[in-house]
Amino acid sequence: MYKEHYVFESPKDENAKIWRYMDFTKFLSLLDKSALFFTRVDKLGDPFEGTCPEKVINFWEKKLGIEYPKGFYEHLSKFTAVNCWHLNEYESAAMWKMYLKSNEGIAVQSTFKRLKDSLIDKEHDILIGKVKYINYGKLVEPTKVFTNPVIYKRKIFRHEQELRAVIKKLPKRGFSPRSKKTIEDGIYVLVDVDILIDKIYLAPISPVWQFELLKSVMGKYQLDKDVIQSSMDEKPLLK
């Protein structure tokens, strides 16, 4: 279930629009499992994901008079999983290009409130907040970064405007660099799909058969939502 946390900054507007761009297979998985997939942090592709900036670690080592275990955050990332959304009032051409390898994809449009309300999973505490983009070469928010580096990313990714849902599945006896039983690839988290999804957008230049297939699949899962062709396909009115 959703849980508030002081480090995780929520959108000011609960009805702020969020988007998740995906291929058709992942959309089918969402419907079939009624679940969002949370990916283990170290499998996201960015080696800085979930790590703590060196200057922040040095700050606390000096302040506390200790030496932090090498590889601590790299190992911690194996016990943390995230589900990522794009926070924007409108669909994004950059996001279409980033997440789709063809024109056979969709974007689920939801809101921050819908995401929170859709989380029916009772096994995990789920934190949600806007990702903060920082300069890893500077000492920024040392306490918050030190305790929750998963909500921070390098400034080169700020175009993503990410809203991130996070699960920390730590050992009951406490975490250490020797802890085992990590998350494997990720975690499926049960959601109420009807609450989660507001609208569905088809990728630019989607073929007609994809629209028909999408409507057919939605019918089988009794999902009654608007399907909208990407605005990128609109033509200018020429005089």
C-alpha atoms as a PDB file:
ATOM      1  CA  MET A   1       0.000   0.000   0.000  1.00  0.00           C
ATOM      2  CA  TYR A   2       1.029   3.597  -0.498  1.00  0.00           C
ATOM      3  CA  LYS A   3       2.952   5.160   2.372  1.00  0.00           C
ATOM      4  CA  GLU A   4       4.065   8.767   2.767  1.00  0.00           C
ATOM      5  CA  HIS A   5       7.712   9.605   3.502  1.00  0.00           C
ATOM      6  CA  TYR A   6       9.308  12.996   4.131  1.00  0.00           C
ATOM      7  CA  VAL A   7      12.060  12.489   1.540  1.00  0.00           C
ATOM      8  CA  PHE A   8       9.589  11.585  -1.202  1.00  0.00           C
ATOM      9  CA  GLU A   9       8.162  14.811  -2.603  1.00  0.00           C
ATOM     10  CA  SER A  10       4.651  14.418  -4.029  1.00  0.00           C
ATOM     11  CA  PRO A  11       3.255  16.491  -6.910  1.00  0.00           C
ATOM     12  CA  LYS A  12       1.416  19.507  -5.504  1.00  0.00           C
ATOM     13  CA  ASP A  13      -1.635  18.593  -7.544  1.00  0.00           C
ATOM     14  CA  GLU A  14      -2.970  15.110  -6.742  1.00  0.00           C
ATOM     15  CA  ASN A  15      -4.497  15.001 -10.217  1.00  0.00           C
ATOM     16  CA  ALA A  16      -1.185  15.736 -11.935  1.00  0.00           C
ATOM     17  CA  LYS A  17      -0.957  13.607 -15.087  1.00  0.00           C
ATOM     18  CA  ILE A  18       1.592  10.812 -15.275  1.00  0.00           C
ATOM     19  CA  TRP A  19       2.501   8.591 -18.206  1.00  0.00           C
ATOM     20  CA  ARG A  20       3.989   5.140 -18.597  1.00  0.00           C
ATOM     21  CA  TYR A  21       5.273   4.316 -22.085  1.00  0.00           C
ATOM     22  CA  MET A  22       5.488   0.633 -22.950  1.00  0.00           C
ATOM     23  CA  ASP A  23       5.358  -1.907 -25.741  1.00  0.00           C
ATOM     24  CA  PHE A  24       2.228  -3.936 -26.340  1.00  0.00           C
ATOM     25  CA  THR A  25       3.587  -7.020 -24.549  1.00  0.00           C
ATOM     26  CA  LYS A  26       4.099  -5.126 -21.305  1.00  0.00           C
ATOM     27  CA  PHE A  27       0.605  -3.688 -21.549  1.00  0.00           C
ATOM     28  CA  LEU A  28      -0.810  -7.210 -21.921  1.00  0.00           C
ATOM     29  CA  SER A  29       1.167  -8.250 -18.848  1.00  0.00           C
ATOM     30  CA  LEU A  30      -0.343  -5.352 -16.881  1.00  0.00           C
ATOM     31  CA  LEU A  31      -3.865  -6.484 -17.817  1.00  0.00           C
ATOM     32  CA  ASP A  32      -3.222 -10.207 -17.407  1.00  0.00           C
ATOM     33  CA  LYS A  33      -1.541  -9.983 -14.006  1.00  0.00           C
ATOM     34  CA  SER A  34      -3.377  -6.878 -12.765  1.00  0.00           C
ATOM     35  CA  ALA A  35       0.048  -5.829 -11.560  1.00  0.00           C
ATOM     36  CA  LEU A  36       2.782  -3.267 -12.145  1.00  0.00           C
ATOM     37  CA  PHE A  37       6.320  -4.564 -12.462  1.00  0.00           C
ATOM     38  CA  PHE A  38       8.865  -2.927 -10.148  1.00  0.00           C
ATOM     39  CA  THR A  39      12.385  -3.380 -11.568  1.00  0.00           C
ATOM     40  CA  ARG A  40      15.362  -4.053  -9.307  1.00  0.00           C
ATOM     41  CA  VAL A  41      17.333  -0.805  -9.211  1.00  0.00           C
ATOM     42  CA  ASP A  42      20.682  -2.152 -10.390  1.00  0.00           C
ATOM     43  CA  LYS A  43      18.988  -3.492 -13.544  1.00  0.00           C
ATOM     44  CA  LEU A  44      17.798  -0.094 -14.790  1.00  0.00           C
ATOM     45  CA  GLY A  45      20.899   0.470 -16.917  1.00  0.00           C
ATOM     46  CA  ASP A  46      22.439   3.494 -15.187  1.00  0.00           C
ATOM     47  CA  PRO A  47      25.409   2.503 -12.956  1.00  0.00           C
ATOM     48  CA  PHE A  48      24.700   5.533 -10.722  1.00  0.00           C
ATOM     49  CA  GLU A  49      21.179   4.313  -9.890  1.00  0.00           C
ATOM     50  CA  GLY A  50      20.736   3.881  -6.141  1.00  0.00           C
ATOM     51  CA  THR A  51      24.302   4.914  -5.336  1.00  0.00           C
ATOM     52  CA  CYS A  52      25.289   7.689  -2.967  1.00  0.00           C
ATOM     53  CA  PRO A  53      27.548  10.515  -4.265  1.00  0.00           C
ATOM     54  CA  GLU A  54      31.113  10.232  -3.017  1.00  0.00           C
ATOM     55  CA  LYS A  55      31.049  13.685  -1.418  1.00  0.00           C
ATOM     56  CA  VAL A  56      27.984  12.751   0.617  1.00  0.00           C
ATOM     57  CA  ILE A  57      29.637   9.561   1.857  1.00  0.00           C
ATOM     58  CA  ASN A  58      32.828  11.473   2.725  1.00  0.00           C
ATOM     59  CA  PHE A  59      30.748  14.066   4.603  1.00  0.00           C
ATOM     60  CA  TRP A  60      29.163  11.427   6.831  1.00  0.00           C
ATOM     61  CA  GLU A  61      32.355   9.446   7.320  1.00  0.00           C
ATOM     62  CA  LYS A  62      34.040  12.594   8.589  1.00  0.00           C
ATOM     63  CA  LYS A  63      31.043  13.651  10.689  1.00  0.00           C
ATOM     64  CA  LEU A  64      30.522  10.225  12.274  1.00  0.00           C
ATOM     65  CA  GLY A  65      34.155   9.186  12.409  1.00  0.00           C
ATOM     66  CA  ILE A  66      33.566   5.902  10.602  1.00  0.00           C
ATOM     67  CA  GLU A  67      34.474   4.298   7.299  1.00  0.00           C
ATOM     68  CA  TYR A  68      31.459   3.224   5.293  1.00  0.00           C
ATOM     69  CA  PRO A  69      31.633  -0.342   3.869  1.00  0.00           C
ATOM     70  CA  LYS A  70      32.723  -0.399   0.244  1.00  0.00           C
ATOM     71  CA  GLY A  71      29.950  -1.426  -2.111  1.00  0.00           C
ATOM     72  CA  PHE A  72      27.236  -0.812   0.494  1.00  0.00           C
ATOM     73  CA  TYR A  73      24.861   1.080  -1.810  1.00  0.00           C
ATOM     74  CA  GLU A  74      25.550  -1.157  -4.801  1.00  0.00           C
ATOM     75  CA  HIS A  75      24.411  -4.121  -2.700  1.00  0.00           C
ATOM     76  CA  LEU A  76      21.491  -2.173  -1.222  1.00  0.00           C
ATOM     77  CA  SER A  77      20.154  -1.538  -4.731  1.00  0.00           C
ATOM     78  CA  LYS A  78      19.573  -5.291  -5.069  1.00  0.00           C
ATOM     79  CA  PHE A  79      16.973  -5.025  -2.280  1.00  0.00           C
ATOM     80  CA  THR A  80      15.191  -2.050  -3.874  1.00  0.00           C
ATOM     81  CA  ALA A  81      12.770  -2.014  -6.816  1.00  0.00           C
ATOM     82  CA  VAL A  82      11.108   0.860  -8.665  1.00  0.00           C
ATOM     83  CA  ASN A  83       8.298   1.583 -11.091  1.00  0.00           C
ATOM     84  CA  CYS A  84       8.819   4.751 -13.132  1.00  0.00           C
ATOM     85  CA  TRP A  85       6.357   7.264 -14.612  1.00  0.00           C
ATOM     86  CA  HIS A  86       6.780  10.447 -16.647  1.00  0.00           C
ATOM     87  CA  LEU A  87       5.240  13.490 -14.950  1.00  0.00           C
ATOM     88  CA  ASN A  88       3.824  15.813 -17.606  1.00  0.00           C
ATOM     89  CA  GLU A  89       0.557  17.482 -18.577  1.00  0.00           C
ATOM     90  CA  TYR A  90       1.039  16.306 -22.161  1.00  0.00           C
ATOM     91  CA  GLU A  91       2.470  13.299 -23.981  1.00  0.00           C
ATOM     92  CA  SER A  92       6.159  13.533 -24.829  1.00  0.00           C
ATOM     93  CA  ALA A  93       7.852  12.929 -28.183  1.00  0.00           C
ATOM     94  CA  ALA A  94      11.113  12.251 -26.338  1.00  0.00           C
ATOM     95  CA  MET A  95       9.501   9.562 -24.189  1.00  0.00           C
ATOM     96  CA  TRP A  96       7.965   7.845 -27.213  1.00  0.00           C
ATOM     97  CA  LYS A  97      11.415   7.649 -28.806  1.00  0.00           C
ATOM     98  CA  MET A  98      13.118   6.545 -25.606  1.00  0.00           C
ATOM     99  CA  TYR A  99      10.859   3.679 -24.623  1.00  0.00           C
ATOM    100  CA  LEU A 100       9.539   2.305 -27.920  1.00  0.00           C
ATOM    101  CA  LYS A 101      11.614   0.512 -30.509  1.00  0.00           C
ATOM    102  CA  SER A 102       8.823   0.547 -33.096  1.00  0.00           C
ATOM    103  CA  ASN A 103       5.440   2.167 -33.692  1.00  0.00           C
ATOM    104  CA  GLU A 104       3.651  -0.690 -31.924  1.00  0.00           C
ATOM    105  CA  GLY A 105       3.467   0.731 -28.421  1.00  0.00           C
ATOM    106  CA  ILE A 106       1.143   2.538 -26.096  1.00  0.00           C
ATOM    107  CA  ALA A 107       1.219   5.044 -23.272  1.00  0.00           C
ATOM    108  CA  VAL A 108      -0.930   4.590 -20.199  1.00  0.00           C
ATOM    109  CA  GLN A 109      -2.068   7.982 -18.947  1.00  0.00           C
ATOM    110  CA  SER A 110      -2.915   8.133 -15.253  1.00  0.00           C
ATOM    111  CA  THR A 111      -2.641  10.613 -12.383  1.00  0.00           C
ATOM    112  CA  PHE A 112      -0.699  10.667  -9.142  1.00  0.00           C
ATOM    113  CA  LYS A 113      -3.944  10.083  -7.234  1.00  0.00           C
ATOM    114  CA  ARG A 114      -4.987   7.190  -9.461  1.00  0.00           C
ATOM    115  CA  LEU A 115      -1.594   5.537  -8.983  1.00  0.00           C
ATOM    116  CA  LYS A 116      -1.855   5.820  -5.205  1.00  0.00           C
ATOM    117  CA  ASP A 117      -5.456   4.621  -5.084  1.00  0.00           C
ATOM    118  CA  SER A 118      -4.821   1.693  -7.428  1.00  0.00           C
ATOM    119  CA  LEU A 119      -2.203   0.067  -5.183  1.00  0.00           C
ATOM    120  CA  ILE A 120      -4.099  -2.809  -3.572  1.00  0.00           C
ATOM    121  CA  ASP A 121      -0.970  -4.784  -2.670  1.00  0.00           C
ATOM    122  CA  LYS A 122      -0.853  -5.257   1.109  1.00  0.00           C
ATOM    123  CA  GLU A 123       2.526  -6.973   1.322  1.00  0.00           C
ATOM    124  CA  HIS A 124       4.752  -3.964   0.613  1.00  0.00           C
ATOM    125  CA  ASP A 125       5.039  -0.350   1.741  1.00  0.00           C
ATOM    126  CA  ILE A 126       5.205   1.662  -1.475  1.00  0.00           C
ATOM    127  CA  LEU A 127       6.778   5.120  -1.451  1.00  0.00           C
ATOM    128  CA  ILE A 128       6.107   7.552  -4.306  1.00  0.00           C
ATOM    129  CA  GLY A 129       7.932  10.775  -5.088  1.00  0.00           C
ATOM    130  CA  LYS A 130       9.383  13.019  -7.749  1.00  0.00           C
ATOM    131  CA  VAL A 131      12.958  12.192  -8.677  1.00  0.00           C
ATOM    132  CA  LYS A 132      15.396  14.977  -7.787  1.00  0.00           C
ATOM    133  CA  TYR A 133      18.136  15.664 -10.325  1.00  0.00           C
ATOM    134  CA  ILE A 134      21.407  16.719  -8.701  1.00  0.00           C
ATOM    135  CA  ASN A 135      25.064  17.339  -9.423  1.00  0.00           C
ATOM    136  CA  TYR A 136      26.844  14.270  -8.030  1.00  0.00           C
ATOM    137  CA  GLY A 137      30.054  16.274  -7.745  1.00  0.00           C
ATOM    138  CA  LYS A 138      28.568  18.587  -5.089  1.00  0.00           C
ATOM    139  CA  LEU A 139      27.385  18.100  -1.523  1.00  0.00           C
ATOM    140  CA  VAL A 140      23.587  18.300  -1.926  1.00  0.00           C
ATOM    141  CA  GLU A 141      20.967  17.389   0.707  1.00  0.00           C
ATOM    142  CA  PRO A 142      23.426  15.061   2.488  1.00  0.00           C
ATOM    143  CA  THR A 143      20.930  13.600   4.960  1.00  0.00           C
ATOM    144  CA  LYS A 144      18.199  12.855   2.417  1.00  0.00           C
ATOM    145  CA  VAL A 145      20.567  11.536  -0.244  1.00  0.00           C
ATOM    146  CA  PHE A 146      22.385   9.382   2.318  1.00  0.00           C
ATOM    147  CA  THR A 147      19.184   7.700   3.528  1.00  0.00           C
ATOM    148  CA  ASN A 148      17.309   7.481   0.212  1.00  0.00           C
ATOM    149  CA  PRO A 149      19.644   7.745  -2.801  1.00  0.00           C
ATOM    150  CA  VAL A 150      17.081   5.859  -4.922  1.00  0.00           C
ATOM    151  CA  ILE A 151      15.047   9.057  -5.352  1.00  0.00           C
ATOM    152  CA  TYR A 152      18.019  11.011  -6.777  1.00  0.00           C
ATOM    153  CA  LYS A 153      19.515  10.927 -10.266  1.00  0.00           C
ATOM    154  CA  ARG A 154      22.136  12.845 -12.225  1.00  0.00           C
ATOM    155  CA  LYS A 155      21.081  16.089 -13.898  1.00  0.00           C
ATOM    156  CA  ILE A 156      21.634  14.646 -17.353  1.00  0.00           C
ATOM    157  CA  PHE A 157      18.352  12.740 -16.863  1.00  0.00           C
ATOM    158  CA  ARG A 158      16.183  15.670 -15.819  1.00  0.00           C
ATOM    159  CA  HIS A 159      14.281  15.580 -19.135  1.00  0.00           C
ATOM    160  CA  GLU A 160      12.657  12.381 -17.833  1.00  0.00           C
ATOM    161  CA  GLN A 161      10.625  14.343 -15.235  1.00  0.00           C
ATOM    162  CA  GLU A 162      10.233  11.098 -13.355  1.00  0.00           C
ATOM    163  CA  LEU A 163       7.749  10.150 -10.690  1.00  0.00           C
ATOM    164  CA  ARG A 164       9.066   7.049  -9.003  1.00  0.00           C
ATOM    165  CA  ALA A 165       7.304   4.391  -6.932  1.00  0.00           C
ATOM    166  CA  VAL A 166       9.733   2.534  -4.670  1.00  0.00           C
ATOM    167  CA  ILE A 167       9.746  -0.718  -2.688  1.00  0.00           C
ATOM    168  CA  LYS A 168      12.503  -1.584  -0.235  1.00  0.00           C
ATOM    169  CA  LYS A 169      12.527  -5.280   0.596  1.00  0.00           C
ATOM    170  CA  LEU A 170      15.154  -5.341   3.323  1.00  0.00           C
ATOM    171  CA  PRO A 171      16.042  -8.326   5.538  1.00  0.00           C
ATOM    172  CA  LYS A 172      14.036  -8.492   8.763  1.00  0.00           C
ATOM    173  CA  ARG A 173      17.230  -8.715  10.838  1.00  0.00           C
ATOM    174  CA  GLY A 174      18.702  -5.589   9.273  1.00  0.00           C
ATOM    175  CA  PHE A 175      20.680  -4.911   6.116  1.00  0.00           C
ATOM    176  CA  SER A 176      24.421  -5.359   5.703  1.00  0.00           C
ATOM    177  CA  PRO A 177      26.778  -5.844   2.718  1.00  0.00           C
ATOM    178  CA  ARG A 178      26.606  -9.572   3.523  1.00  0.00           C
ATOM    179  CA  SER A 179      22.811  -9.795   3.357  1.00  0.00           C
ATOM    180  CA  LYS A 180      21.437 -12.391   0.954  1.00  0.00           C
ATOM    181  CA  LYS A 181      17.990 -13.184  -0.526  1.00  0.00           C
ATOM    182  CA  THR A 182      17.979 -10.187  -2.829  1.00  0.00           C
ATOM    183  CA  ILE A 183      15.101  -9.286  -5.136  1.00  0.00           C
ATOM    184  CA  GLU A 184      15.633 -11.245  -8.351  1.00  0.00           C
ATOM    185  CA  ASP A 185      14.709  -9.214 -11.434  1.00  0.00           C
ATOM    186  CA  GLY A 186      11.851  -7.332  -9.829  1.00  0.00           C
ATOM    187  CA  ILE A 187       8.481  -7.564  -8.089  1.00  0.00           C
ATOM    188  CA  TYR A 188       4.938  -7.674  -9.435  1.00  0.00           C
ATOM    189  CA  VAL A 189       2.674  -5.411  -7.375  1.00  0.00           C
ATOM    190  CA  LEU A 190      -1.083  -5.884  -7.517  1.00  0.00           C
ATOM    191  CA  VAL A 191      -3.119  -2.913  -8.724  1.00  0.00           C
ATOM    192  CA  ASP A 192      -6.712  -2.144  -9.598  1.00  0.00           C
ATOM    193  CA  VAL A 193      -6.212  -1.584 -13.333  1.00  0.00           C
ATOM    194  CA  ASP A 194      -9.530   0.226 -13.765  1.00  0.00           C
ATOM    195  CA  ILE A 195      -8.519   2.798 -11.162  1.00  0.00           C
ATOM    196  CA  LEU A 196      -4.944   3.084 -12.441  1.00  0.00           C
ATOM    197  CA  ILE A 197      -5.693   3.766 -16.100  1.00  0.00           C
ATOM    198  CA  ASP A 198      -7.359   6.987 -17.142  1.00  0.00           C
ATOM    199  CA  LYS A 199      -6.727   6.910 -20.904  1.00  0.00           C
ATOM    200  CA  ILE A 200      -4.624   4.911 -23.353  1.00  0.00           C
ATOM    201  CA  TYR A 201      -2.600   6.554 -26.128  1.00  0.00           C
ATOM    202  CA  LEU A 202      -1.456   4.741 -29.250  1.00  0.00           C
ATOM    203  CA  ALA A 203       2.077   5.354 -30.470  1.00  0.00           C
ATOM    204  CA  PRO A 204       2.625   7.725 -33.418  1.00  0.00           C
ATOM    205  CA  ILE A 205       1.891   6.199 -36.845  1.00  0.00           C
ATOM    206  CA  SER A 206       0.311   3.101 -35.278  1.00  0.00           C
ATOM    207  CA  PRO A 207      -1.203   0.732 -37.858  1.00  0.00           C
ATOM    208  CA  VAL A 208      -4.988   0.317 -37.950  1.00  0.00           C
ATOM    209  CA  TRP A 209      -4.750  -3.328 -36.899  1.00  0.00           C
ATOM    210  CA  GLN A 210      -3.124  -2.300 -33.618  1.00  0.00           C
ATOM    211  CA  PHE A 211      -6.070  -0.086 -32.707  1.00  0.00           C
ATOM    212  CA  GLU A 212      -8.463  -2.934 -33.486  1.00  0.00           C
ATOM    213  CA  LEU A 213      -6.370  -5.445 -31.529  1.00  0.00           C
ATOM    214  CA  LEU A 214      -6.108  -3.096 -28.555  1.00  0.00           C
ATOM    215  CA  LYS A 215      -9.867  -2.595 -28.429  1.00  0.00           C
ATOM    216  CA  SER A 216     -10.399  -6.353 -28.696  1.00  0.00           C
ATOM    217  CA  VAL A 217      -7.989  -7.099 -25.841  1.00  0.00           C
ATOM    218  CA  MET A 218      -9.518  -4.386 -23.666  1.00  0.00           C
ATOM    219  CA  GLY A 219     -12.939  -5.900 -24.295  1.00  0.00           C
ATOM    220  CA  LYS A 220     -11.755  -9.311 -23.127  1.00  0.00           C
ATOM    221  CA  TYR A 221     -10.462  -7.766 -19.908  1.00  0.00           C
ATOM    222  CA  GLN A 222     -13.601  -5.616 -19.531  1.00  0.00           C
ATOM    223  CA  LEU A 223     -11.531  -2.448 -19.575  1.00  0.00           C
ATOM    224  CA  ASP A 224     -13.615   0.480 -20.798  1.00  0.00           C
ATOM    225  CA  LYS A 225     -11.200   3.346 -21.430  1.00  0.00           C
ATOM    226  CA  ASP A 226     -10.722   5.922 -24.174  1.00  0.00           C
ATOM    227  CA  VAL A 227      -8.098   4.998 -26.759  1.00  0.00           C
ATOM    228  CA  ILE A 228      -6.478   8.081 -28.285  1.00  0.00           C
ATOM    229  CA  GLN A 229      -4.138   8.336 -31.244  1.00  0.00           C
ATOM    230  CA  SER A 230      -0.932  10.197 -30.388  1.00  0.00           C
ATOM    231  CA  SER A 231      -1.167  13.928 -31.052  1.00  0.00           C
ATOM    232  CA  MET A 232       2.107  13.624 -32.941  1.00  0.00           C
ATOM    233  CA  ASP A 233       0.048  12.235 -35.836  1.00  0.00           C
ATOM    234  CA  GLU A 234      -1.982  15.426 -36.153  1.00  0.00           C
ATOM    235  CA  LYS A 235      -1.589  17.357 -39.410  1.00  0.00           C
ATOM    236  CA  PRO A 236      -1.297  21.161 -39.575  1.00  0.00           C
ATOM    237  CA  LEU A 237      -4.194  23.111 -41.049  1.00  0.00           C
ATOM    238  CA  LEU A 238      -2.758  24.676 -44.181  1.00  0.00           C
ATOM    239  CA  LYS A 239      -4.431  27.523 -46.045  1.00  0.00           C
END
